[in-house]
PDB file of N, CA and C in Angstrom:
ATOM      1  N   MET A   1      -4.165  -0.796  -0.136  1.00  0.00           N
ATOM      2  CA  MET A   1      -4.089   0.629   0.010  1.00  0.00           C
ATOM      3  C   MET A   1      -2.623   1.013   0.036  1.00  0.00           C
ATOM      4  N   ARG A   2      -2.336   2.144  -0.578  1.00  0.00           N
ATOM      5  CA  ARG A   2      -0.958   2.617  -0.648  1.00  0.00           C
ATOM      6  C   ARG A   2      -0.792   3.876   0.181  1.00  0.00           C
ATOM      7  N   ARG A   3       0.418   4.123   0.633  1.00  0.00           N
ATOM      8  CA  ARG A   3       0.724   5.365   1.334  1.00  0.00           C
ATOM      9  C   ARG A   3       1.892   6.026   0.620  1.00  0.00           C
ATOM     10  N   PHE A   4       1.898   7.332   0.690  1.00  0.00           N
ATOM     11  CA  PHE A   4       2.903   8.125  -0.005  1.00  0.00           C
ATOM     12  C   PHE A   4       3.513   9.139   0.947  1.00  0.00           C
ATOM     13  N   ALA A   5       4.795   9.376   0.795  1.00  0.00           N
ATOM     14  CA  ALA A   5       5.451  10.456   1.530  1.00  0.00           C
ATOM     15  C   ALA A   5       5.036  11.767   0.876  1.00  0.00           C
ATOM     16  N   VAL A   6       4.776  12.781   1.703  1.00  0.00           N
ATOM     17  CA  VAL A   6       4.467  14.102   1.162  1.00  0.00           C
ATOM     18  C   VAL A   6       5.788  14.875   1.099  1.00  0.00           C
ATOM     19  N   GLU A   7       6.153  15.267  -0.095  1.00  0.00           N
ATOM     20  CA  GLU A   7       7.423  15.937  -0.331  1.00  0.00           C
ATOM     21  C   GLU A   7       7.261  17.454  -0.251  1.00  0.00           C
ATOM     22  N   LYS A   8       8.333  18.123  -0.520  1.00  0.00           N
ATOM     23  CA  LYS A   8       8.355  19.580  -0.538  1.00  0.00           C
ATOM     24  C   LYS A   8       7.290  20.097  -1.501  1.00  0.00           C
ATOM     25  N   TYR A   9       6.641  21.159  -1.129  1.00  0.00           N
ATOM     26  CA  TYR A   9       5.588  21.817  -1.910  1.00  0.00           C
ATOM     27  C   TYR A   9       4.339  20.956  -2.087  1.00  0.00           C
ATOM     28  N   GLY A  10       4.196  19.937  -1.240  1.00  0.00           N
ATOM     29  CA  GLY A  10       2.987  19.131  -1.263  1.00  0.00           C
ATOM     30  C   GLY A  10       2.926  18.066  -2.343  1.00  0.00           C
ATOM     31  N   THR A  11       4.011  17.824  -3.048  1.00  0.00           N
ATOM     32  CA  THR A  11       4.013  16.753  -4.044  1.00  0.00           C
ATOM     33  C   THR A  11       4.162  15.410  -3.337  1.00  0.00           C
ATOM     34  N   LEU A  12       3.784  14.343  -4.026  1.00  0.00           N
ATOM     35  CA  LEU A  12       3.863  13.010  -3.448  1.00  0.00           C
ATOM     36  C   LEU A  12       5.137  12.311  -3.864  1.00  0.00           C
ATOM     37  N   GLY A  13       5.762  11.637  -2.916  1.00  0.00           N
ATOM     38  CA  GLY A  13       6.946  10.837  -3.185  1.00  0.00           C
ATOM     39  C   GLY A  13       6.544   9.442  -3.618  1.00  0.00           C
ATOM     40  N   THR A  14       7.487   8.540  -3.528  1.00  0.00           N
ATOM     41  CA  THR A  14       7.261   7.157  -3.911  1.00  0.00           C
ATOM     42  C   THR A  14       6.229   6.510  -2.993  1.00  0.00           C
ATOM     43  N   GLY A  15       5.306   5.784  -3.595  1.00  0.00           N
ATOM     44  CA  GLY A  15       4.283   5.091  -2.819  1.00  0.00           C
ATOM     45  C   GLY A  15       4.674   3.657  -2.545  1.00  0.00           C
ATOM     46  N   ARG A  16       4.032   3.097  -1.518  1.00  0.00           N
ATOM     47  CA  ARG A  16       4.241   1.683  -1.210  1.00  0.00           C
ATOM     48  C   ARG A  16       2.946   1.122  -0.643  1.00  0.00           C
ATOM     49  N   THR A  17       2.788  -0.190  -0.745  1.00  0.00           N
ATOM     50  CA  THR A  17       1.618  -0.831  -0.161  1.00  0.00           C
ATOM     51  C   THR A  17       1.707  -0.705   1.349  1.00  0.00           C
ATOM     52  N   TRP A  18       0.612  -0.257   1.942  1.00  0.00           N
ATOM     53  CA  TRP A  18       0.569  -0.063   3.390  1.00  0.00           C
ATOM     54  C   TRP A  18      -0.271  -1.152   4.044  1.00  0.00           C
ATOM     55  N   VAL A  19      -1.517  -1.328   3.602  1.00  0.00           N
ATOM     56  CA  VAL A  19      -2.387  -2.388   4.113  1.00  0.00           C
ATOM     57  C   VAL A  19      -3.136  -3.003   2.938  1.00  0.00           C
ATOM     58  N   THR A  20      -3.538  -4.247   3.128  1.00  0.00           N
ATOM     59  CA  THR A  20      -4.347  -4.943   2.130  1.00  0.00           C
ATOM     60  C   THR A  20      -5.726  -5.188   2.727  1.00  0.00           C
ATOM     61  N   VAL A  21      -6.747  -4.812   1.983  1.00  0.00           N
ATOM     62  CA  VAL A  21      -8.133  -5.001   2.418  1.00  0.00           C
ATOM     63  C   VAL A  21      -8.762  -6.059   1.530  1.00  0.00           C
ATOM     64  N   ALA A  22      -9.189  -7.176   2.133  1.00  0.00           N
ATOM     65  CA  ALA A  22      -9.837  -8.251   1.391  1.00  0.00           C
ATOM     66  C   ALA A  22     -10.768  -8.975   2.358  1.00  0.00           C
ATOM     67  N   PRO A  23     -11.928  -9.391   1.938  1.00  0.00           N
ATOM     68  CA  PRO A  23     -12.438  -9.347   0.574  1.00  0.00           C
ATOM     69  C   PRO A  23     -12.982  -7.970   0.206  1.00  0.00           C
ATOM     70  N   GLY A  24     -13.224  -7.816  -1.070  1.00  0.00           N
ATOM     71  CA  GLY A  24     -13.815  -6.578  -1.557  1.00  0.00           C
ATOM     72  C   GLY A  24     -12.775  -5.535  -1.897  1.00  0.00           C
ATOM     73  N   ILE A  25     -13.268  -4.349  -2.184  1.00  0.00           N
ATOM     74  CA  ILE A  25     -12.430  -3.217  -2.546  1.00  0.00           C
ATOM     75  C   ILE A  25     -12.650  -2.133  -1.502  1.00  0.00           C
ATOM     76  N   PRO A  26     -11.578  -1.604  -0.906  1.00  0.00           N
ATOM     77  CA  PRO A  26     -11.769  -0.550   0.095  1.00  0.00           C
ATOM     78  C   PRO A  26     -12.470   0.653  -0.513  1.00  0.00           C
ATOM     79  N   ASP A  27     -13.408   1.210   0.228  1.00  0.00           N
ATOM     80  CA  ASP A  27     -14.169   2.347  -0.285  1.00  0.00           C
ATOM     81  C   ASP A  27     -14.124   3.463   0.742  1.00  0.00           C
ATOM     82  N   GLY A  28     -15.063   3.462   1.686  1.00  0.00           N
ATOM     83  CA  GLY A  28     -15.102   4.515   2.687  1.00  0.00           C
ATOM     84  C   GLY A  28     -14.049   4.301   3.751  1.00  0.00           C
ATOM     85  N   LEU A  29     -13.533   5.399   4.291  1.00  0.00           N
ATOM     86  CA  LEU A  29     -12.584   5.270   5.391  1.00  0.00           C
ATOM     87  C   LEU A  29     -12.679   6.459   6.324  1.00  0.00           C
ATOM     88  N   ARG A  30     -12.376   6.202   7.595  1.00  0.00           N
ATOM     89  CA  ARG A  30     -12.400   7.214   8.645  1.00  0.00           C
ATOM     90  C   ARG A  30     -11.296   6.902   9.639  1.00  0.00           C
ATOM     91  N   THR A  31     -10.943   7.884  10.463  1.00  0.00           N
ATOM     92  CA  THR A  31      -9.978   7.669  11.538  1.00  0.00           C
ATOM     93  C   THR A  31     -10.612   8.038  12.872  1.00  0.00           C
ATOM     94  N   ASP A  32     -10.059   7.472  13.944  1.00  0.00           N
ATOM     95  CA  ASP A  32     -10.531   7.828  15.279  1.00  0.00           C
ATOM     96  C   ASP A  32      -9.467   8.660  15.996  1.00  0.00           C
ATOM     97  N   ALA A  33      -9.769   9.072  17.214  1.00  0.00           N
ATOM     98  CA  ALA A  33      -8.879   9.951  17.977  1.00  0.00           C
ATOM     99  C   ALA A  33      -7.536   9.299  18.285  1.00  0.00           C
ATOM    100  N   ALA A  34      -7.466   7.974  18.269  1.00  0.00           N
ATOM    101  CA  ALA A  34      -6.221   7.258  18.532  1.00  0.00           C
ATOM    102  C   ALA A  34      -5.425   6.993  17.255  1.00  0.00           C
ATOM    103  N   GLY A  35      -5.936   7.471  16.111  1.00  0.00           N
ATOM    104  CA  GLY A  35      -5.226   7.294  14.846  1.00  0.00           C
ATOM    105  C   GLY A  35      -5.511   5.991  14.132  1.00  0.00           C
ATOM    106  N   ARG A  36      -6.458   5.196  14.644  1.00  0.00           N
ATOM    107  CA  ARG A  36      -6.827   3.955  13.953  1.00  0.00           C
ATOM    108  C   ARG A  36      -7.617   4.286  12.696  1.00  0.00           C
ATOM    109  N   LEU A  37      -7.466   3.445  11.684  1.00  0.00           N
ATOM    110  CA  LEU A  37      -8.133   3.632  10.399  1.00  0.00           C
ATOM    111  C   LEU A  37      -9.237   2.595  10.259  1.00  0.00           C
ATOM    112  N   TYR A  38     -10.442   3.050   9.899  1.00  0.00           N
ATOM    113  CA  TYR A  38     -11.608   2.194   9.682  1.00  0.00           C
ATOM    114  C   TYR A  38     -11.897   2.207   8.184  1.00  0.00           C
ATOM    115  N   VAL A  39     -11.855   1.021   7.543  1.00  0.00           N
ATOM    116  CA  VAL A  39     -11.987   0.935   6.089  1.00  0.00           C
ATOM    117  C   VAL A  39     -13.118  -0.040   5.746  1.00  0.00           C
ATOM    118  N   SER A  40     -14.075   0.413   4.934  1.00  0.00           N
ATOM    119  CA  SER A  40     -15.156  -0.486   4.519  1.00  0.00           C
ATOM    120  C   SER A  40     -14.603  -1.542   3.569  1.00  0.00           C
ATOM    121  N   ALA A  41     -15.174  -2.757   3.677  1.00  0.00           N
ATOM    122  CA  ALA A  41     -14.696  -3.899   2.903  1.00  0.00           C
ATOM    123  C   ALA A  41     -15.864  -4.825   2.575  1.00  0.00           C
ATOM    124  N   GLY A  42     -15.576  -5.920   1.926  1.00  0.00           N
ATOM    125  CA  GLY A  42     -16.610  -6.869   1.534  1.00  0.00           C
ATOM    126  C   GLY A  42     -17.286  -7.566   2.682  1.00  0.00           C
ATOM    127  N   ASN A  43     -16.621  -7.668   3.814  1.00  0.00           N
ATOM    128  CA  ASN A  43     -17.200  -8.383   4.958  1.00  0.00           C
ATOM    129  C   ASN A  43     -17.451  -7.484   6.164  1.00  0.00           C
ATOM    130  N   GLY A  44     -17.340  -6.173   5.988  1.00  0.00           N
ATOM    131  CA  GLY A  44     -17.580  -5.255   7.097  1.00  0.00           C
ATOM    132  C   GLY A  44     -16.619  -4.088   7.067  1.00  0.00           C
ATOM    133  N   VAL A  45     -16.168  -3.680   8.247  1.00  0.00           N
ATOM    134  CA  VAL A  45     -15.216  -2.570   8.366  1.00  0.00           C
ATOM    135  C   VAL A  45     -13.957  -3.107   9.038  1.00  0.00           C
ATOM    136  N   HIS A  46     -12.827  -2.983   8.349  1.00  0.00           N
ATOM    137  CA  HIS A  46     -11.549  -3.420   8.895  1.00  0.00           C
ATOM    138  C   HIS A  46     -10.960  -2.263   9.697  1.00  0.00           C
ATOM    139  N   VAL A  47     -10.398  -2.584  10.852  1.00  0.00           N
ATOM    140  CA  VAL A  47      -9.818  -1.570  11.735  1.00  0.00           C
ATOM    141  C   VAL A  47      -8.310  -1.812  11.799  1.00  0.00           C
ATOM    142  N   PHE A  48      -7.534  -0.777  11.431  1.00  0.00           N
ATOM    143  CA  PHE A  48      -6.081  -0.878  11.387  1.00  0.00           C
ATOM    144  C   PHE A  48      -5.436   0.036  12.412  1.00  0.00           C
ATOM    145  N   HIS A  49      -4.382  -0.446  13.045  1.00  0.00           N
ATOM    146  CA  HIS A  49      -3.529   0.354  13.913  1.00  0.00           C
ATOM    147  C   HIS A  49      -2.795   1.366  13.028  1.00  0.00           C
ATOM    148  N   PRO A  50      -2.367   2.513  13.562  1.00  0.00           N
ATOM    149  CA  PRO A  50      -1.624   3.473  12.748  1.00  0.00           C
ATOM    150  C   PRO A  50      -0.376   2.900  12.065  1.00  0.00           C
ATOM    151  N   ASP A  51       0.174   1.806  12.614  1.00  0.00           N
ATOM    152  CA  ASP A  51       1.353   1.206  11.975  1.00  0.00           C
ATOM    153  C   ASP A  51       0.986   0.219  10.872  1.00  0.00           C
ATOM    154  N   GLY A  52      -0.314   0.027  10.621  1.00  0.00           N
ATOM    155  CA  GLY A  52      -0.762  -0.845   9.530  1.00  0.00           C
ATOM    156  C   GLY A  52      -1.213  -2.232   9.947  1.00  0.00           C
ATOM    157  N   ARG A  53      -1.051  -2.589  11.227  1.00  0.00           N
ATOM    158  CA  ARG A  53      -1.519  -3.904  11.682  1.00  0.00           C
ATOM    159  C   ARG A  53      -3.036  -3.951  11.697  1.00  0.00           C
ATOM    160  N   LEU A  54      -3.596  -5.051  11.185  1.00  0.00           N
ATOM    161  CA  LEU A  54      -5.039  -5.251  11.258  1.00  0.00           C
ATOM    162  C   LEU A  54      -5.399  -5.600  12.696  1.00  0.00           C
ATOM    163  N   LEU A  55      -6.239  -4.780  13.313  1.00  0.00           N
ATOM    164  CA  LEU A  55      -6.669  -5.014  14.688  1.00  0.00           C
ATOM    165  C   LEU A  55      -7.901  -5.900  14.754  1.00  0.00           C
ATOM    166  N   GLY A  56      -8.742  -5.834  13.726  1.00  0.00           N
ATOM    167  CA  GLY A  56      -9.953  -6.642  13.718  1.00  0.00           C
ATOM    168  C   GLY A  56     -10.919  -6.159  12.665  1.00  0.00           C
ATOM    169  N   THR A  57     -12.053  -6.837  12.586  1.00  0.00           N
ATOM    170  CA  THR A  57     -13.090  -6.510  11.615  1.00  0.00           C
ATOM    171  C   THR A  57     -14.428  -6.400  12.326  1.00  0.00           C
ATOM    172  N   ILE A  58     -15.159  -5.342  12.035  1.00  0.00           N
ATOM    173  CA  ILE A  58     -16.541  -5.217  12.474  1.00  0.00           C
ATOM    174  C   ILE A  58     -17.355  -5.842  11.350  1.00  0.00           C
ATOM    175  N   GLU A  59     -17.790  -7.068  11.548  1.00  0.00           N
ATOM    176  CA  GLU A  59     -18.447  -7.816  10.476  1.00  0.00           C
ATOM    177  C   GLU A  59     -19.875  -7.329  10.246  1.00  0.00           C
ATOM    178  N   THR A  60     -20.275  -7.331   8.973  1.00  0.00           N
ATOM    179  CA  THR A  60     -21.622  -6.948   8.566  1.00  0.00           C
ATOM    180  C   THR A  60     -22.181  -8.028   7.639  1.00  0.00           C
ATOM    181  N   PRO A  61     -23.508  -8.189   7.602  1.00  0.00           N
ATOM    182  CA  PRO A  61     -24.104  -9.221   6.755  1.00  0.00           C
ATOM    183  C   PRO A  61     -24.088  -8.879   5.265  1.00  0.00           C
ATOM    184  N   GLU A  62     -23.807  -7.639   4.925  1.00  0.00           N
ATOM    185  CA  GLU A  62     -23.674  -7.209   3.529  1.00  0.00           C
ATOM    186  C   GLU A  62     -22.338  -6.496   3.371  1.00  0.00           C
ATOM    187  N   THR A  63     -21.933  -6.282   2.127  1.00  0.00           N
ATOM    188  CA  THR A  63     -20.727  -5.503   1.861  1.00  0.00           C
ATOM    189  C   THR A  63     -20.900  -4.097   2.402  1.00  0.00           C
ATOM    190  N   ALA A  64     -19.944  -3.648   3.189  1.00  0.00           N
ATOM    191  CA  ALA A  64     -19.983  -2.279   3.719  1.00  0.00           C
ATOM    192  C   ALA A  64     -19.529  -1.321   2.623  1.00  0.00           C
ATOM    193  N   ALA A  65     -20.336  -0.282   2.398  1.00  0.00           N
ATOM    194  CA  ALA A  65     -20.009   0.682   1.354  1.00  0.00           C
ATOM    195  C   ALA A  65     -19.257   1.889   1.901  1.00  0.00           C
ATOM    196  N   ASN A  66     -19.636   2.335   3.097  1.00  0.00           N
ATOM    197  CA  ASN A  66     -19.012   3.520   3.662  1.00  0.00           C
ATOM    198  C   ASN A  66     -19.211   3.499   5.176  1.00  0.00           C
ATOM    199  N   CYS A  67     -18.526   4.407   5.855  1.00  0.00           N
ATOM    200  CA  CYS A  67     -18.682   4.512   7.303  1.00  0.00           C
ATOM    201  C   CYS A  67     -18.351   5.938   7.731  1.00  0.00           C
ATOM    202  N   THR A  68     -18.961   6.343   8.854  1.00  0.00           N
ATOM    203  CA  THR A  68     -18.684   7.661   9.405  1.00  0.00           C
ATOM    204  C   THR A  68     -18.981   7.656  10.891  1.00  0.00           C
ATOM    205  N   PHE A  69     -18.334   8.547  11.617  1.00  0.00           N
ATOM    206  CA  PHE A  69     -18.594   8.691  13.037  1.00  0.00           C
ATOM    207  C   PHE A  69     -19.667   9.750  13.255  1.00  0.00           C
ATOM    208  N   GLY A  70     -20.498   9.536  14.272  1.00  0.00           N
ATOM    209  CA  GLY A  70     -21.530  10.514  14.611  1.00  0.00           C
ATOM    210  C   GLY A  70     -22.068  10.206  15.996  1.00  0.00           C
ATOM    211  N   GLY A  71     -23.230  10.767  16.297  1.00  0.00           N
ATOM    212  CA  GLY A  71     -23.843  10.550  17.598  1.00  0.00           C
ATOM    213  C   GLY A  71     -23.156  11.352  18.685  1.00  0.00           C
ATOM    214  N   ALA A  72     -23.550  11.099  19.920  1.00  0.00           N
ATOM    215  CA  ALA A  72     -23.008  11.809  21.075  1.00  0.00           C
ATOM    216  C   ALA A  72     -21.510  11.556  21.192  1.00  0.00           C
ATOM    217  N   GLY A  73     -20.739  12.620  21.188  1.00  0.00           N
ATOM    218  CA  GLY A  73     -19.295  12.492  21.318  1.00  0.00           C
ATOM    219  C   GLY A  73     -18.610  11.845  20.134  1.00  0.00           C
ATOM    220  N   LYS A  74     -19.324  11.700  19.022  1.00  0.00           N
ATOM    221  CA  LYS A  74     -18.799  11.019  17.822  1.00  0.00           C
ATOM    222  C   LYS A  74     -18.239   9.644  18.158  1.00  0.00           C
ATOM    223  N   ARG A  75     -18.967   8.907  19.017  1.00  0.00           N
ATOM    224  CA  ARG A  75     -18.528   7.578  19.436  1.00  0.00           C
ATOM    225  C   ARG A  75     -19.352   6.462  18.792  1.00  0.00           C
ATOM    226  N   THR A  76     -20.194   6.807  17.827  1.00  0.00           N
ATOM    227  CA  THR A  76     -20.973   5.813  17.102  1.00  0.00           C
ATOM    228  C   THR A  76     -20.441   5.734  15.681  1.00  0.00           C
ATOM    229  N   LEU A  77     -20.094   4.526  15.244  1.00  0.00           N
ATOM    230  CA  LEU A  77     -19.671   4.315  13.865  1.00  0.00           C
ATOM    231  C   LEU A  77     -20.889   3.862  13.081  1.00  0.00           C
ATOM    232  N   PHE A  78     -21.293   4.657  12.105  1.00  0.00           N
ATOM    233  CA  PHE A  78     -22.405   4.305  11.221  1.00  0.00           C
ATOM    234  C   PHE A  78     -21.818   3.666   9.972  1.00  0.00           C
ATOM    235  N   ILE A  79     -22.354   2.493   9.608  1.00  0.00           N
ATOM    236  CA  ILE A  79     -21.862   1.723   8.471  1.00  0.00           C
ATOM    237  C   ILE A  79     -23.001   1.582   7.474  1.00  0.00           C
ATOM    238  N   THR A  80     -22.782   1.978   6.228  1.00  0.00           N
ATOM    239  CA  THR A  80     -23.824   1.886   5.209  1.00  0.00           C
ATOM    240  C   THR A  80     -23.550   0.725   4.253  1.00  0.00           C
ATOM    241  N   ALA A  81     -24.643   0.179   3.713  1.00  0.00           N
ATOM    242  CA  ALA A  81     -24.596  -0.872   2.703  1.00  0.00           C
ATOM    243  C   ALA A  81     -25.716  -0.593   1.705  1.00  0.00           C
ATOM    244  N   VAL A  82     -25.970  -1.517   0.807  1.00  0.00           N
ATOM    245  CA  VAL A  82     -27.000  -1.323  -0.221  1.00  0.00           C
ATOM    246  C   VAL A  82     -28.386  -1.187   0.401  1.00  0.00           C
ATOM    247  N   SER A  83     -28.693  -2.042   1.384  1.00  0.00           N
ATOM    248  CA  SER A  83     -30.056  -2.050   1.913  1.00  0.00           C
ATOM    249  C   SER A  83     -30.144  -1.801   3.413  1.00  0.00           C
ATOM    250  N   ALA A  84     -29.065  -1.353   4.037  1.00  0.00           N
ATOM    251  CA  ALA A  84     -29.098  -1.187   5.490  1.00  0.00           C
ATOM    252  C   ALA A  84     -28.081  -0.148   5.952  1.00  0.00           C
ATOM    253  N   VAL A  85     -28.320   0.330   7.172  1.00  0.00           N
ATOM    254  CA  VAL A  85     -27.351   1.162   7.885  1.00  0.00           C
ATOM    255  C   VAL A  85     -27.240   0.576   9.282  1.00  0.00           C
ATOM    256  N   TRP A  86     -26.011   0.338   9.738  1.00  0.00           N
ATOM    257  CA  TRP A  86     -25.785  -0.192  11.076  1.00  0.00           C
ATOM    258  C   TRP A  86     -25.094   0.857  11.920  1.00  0.00           C
ATOM    259  N   ALA A  87     -25.301   0.798  13.232  1.00  0.00           N
ATOM    260  CA  ALA A  87     -24.657   1.704  14.166  1.00  0.00           C
ATOM    261  C   ALA A  87     -23.940   0.872  15.219  1.00  0.00           C
ATOM    262  N   VAL A  88     -22.660   1.169  15.435  1.00  0.00           N
ATOM    263  CA  VAL A  88     -21.853   0.442  16.407  1.00  0.00           C
ATOM    264  C   VAL A  88     -21.293   1.452  17.407  1.00  0.00           C
ATOM    265  N   GLU A  89     -21.604   1.254  18.682  1.00  0.00           N
ATOM    266  CA  GLU A  89     -21.077   2.139  19.729  1.00  0.00           C
ATOM    267  C   GLU A  89     -19.634   1.733  20.027  1.00  0.00           C
ATOM    268  N   LEU A  90     -18.737   2.719  20.012  1.00  0.00           N
ATOM    269  CA  LEU A  90     -17.323   2.461  20.271  1.00  0.00           C
ATOM    270  C   LEU A  90     -16.857   3.222  21.496  1.00  0.00           C
ATOM    271  N   GLY A  91     -15.760   2.820  22.061  1.00  0.00           N
ATOM    272  CA  GLY A  91     -15.219   3.480  23.230  1.00  0.00           C
ATOM    273  C   GLY A  91     -14.216   4.568  22.896  1.00  0.00           C
ATOM    274  N   VAL A  92     -14.221   5.027  21.664  1.00  0.00           N
ATOM    275  CA  VAL A  92     -13.276   6.042  21.224  1.00  0.00           C
ATOM    276  C   VAL A  92     -13.992   7.059  20.343  1.00  0.00           C
ATOM    277  N   GLU A  93     -13.525   8.286  20.362  1.00  0.00           N
ATOM    278  CA  GLU A  93     -14.116   9.346  19.547  1.00  0.00           C
ATOM    279  C   GLU A  93     -13.582   9.283  18.123  1.00  0.00           C
ATOM    280  N   GLY A  94     -14.491   9.465  17.174  1.00  0.00           N
ATOM    281  CA  GLY A  94     -14.086   9.509  15.775  1.00  0.00           C
ATOM    282  C   GLY A  94     -13.591  10.896  15.381  1.00  0.00           C
ATOM    283  N   ARG A  95     -12.829  10.950  14.337  1.00  0.00           N
ATOM    284  CA  ARG A  95     -12.339  12.223  13.786  1.00  0.00           C
ATOM    285  C   ARG A  95     -12.993  12.498  12.460  1.00  0.00           C
TER     286      ARG A  95
END
């Protein structure tokens, strides 16, 4: 995944690699109230600190296609795949 500086008038500046998601190709992504990034991947959902450090992976038995926060207080991360949907209760509110 790449990140870009937003320049004057909303144009994008030079991009650079920010995080690498493997296995698979990053697809769905969401952020939580603490600024962590949740990215679907071949082995689940990778969770990144705002500075780009990989904090961990929520592993799934199938390739994760997308994810979103919902439920009471938006503290449940719903993860979709080809044949399943999983729900993971988290201690942080999603955005």
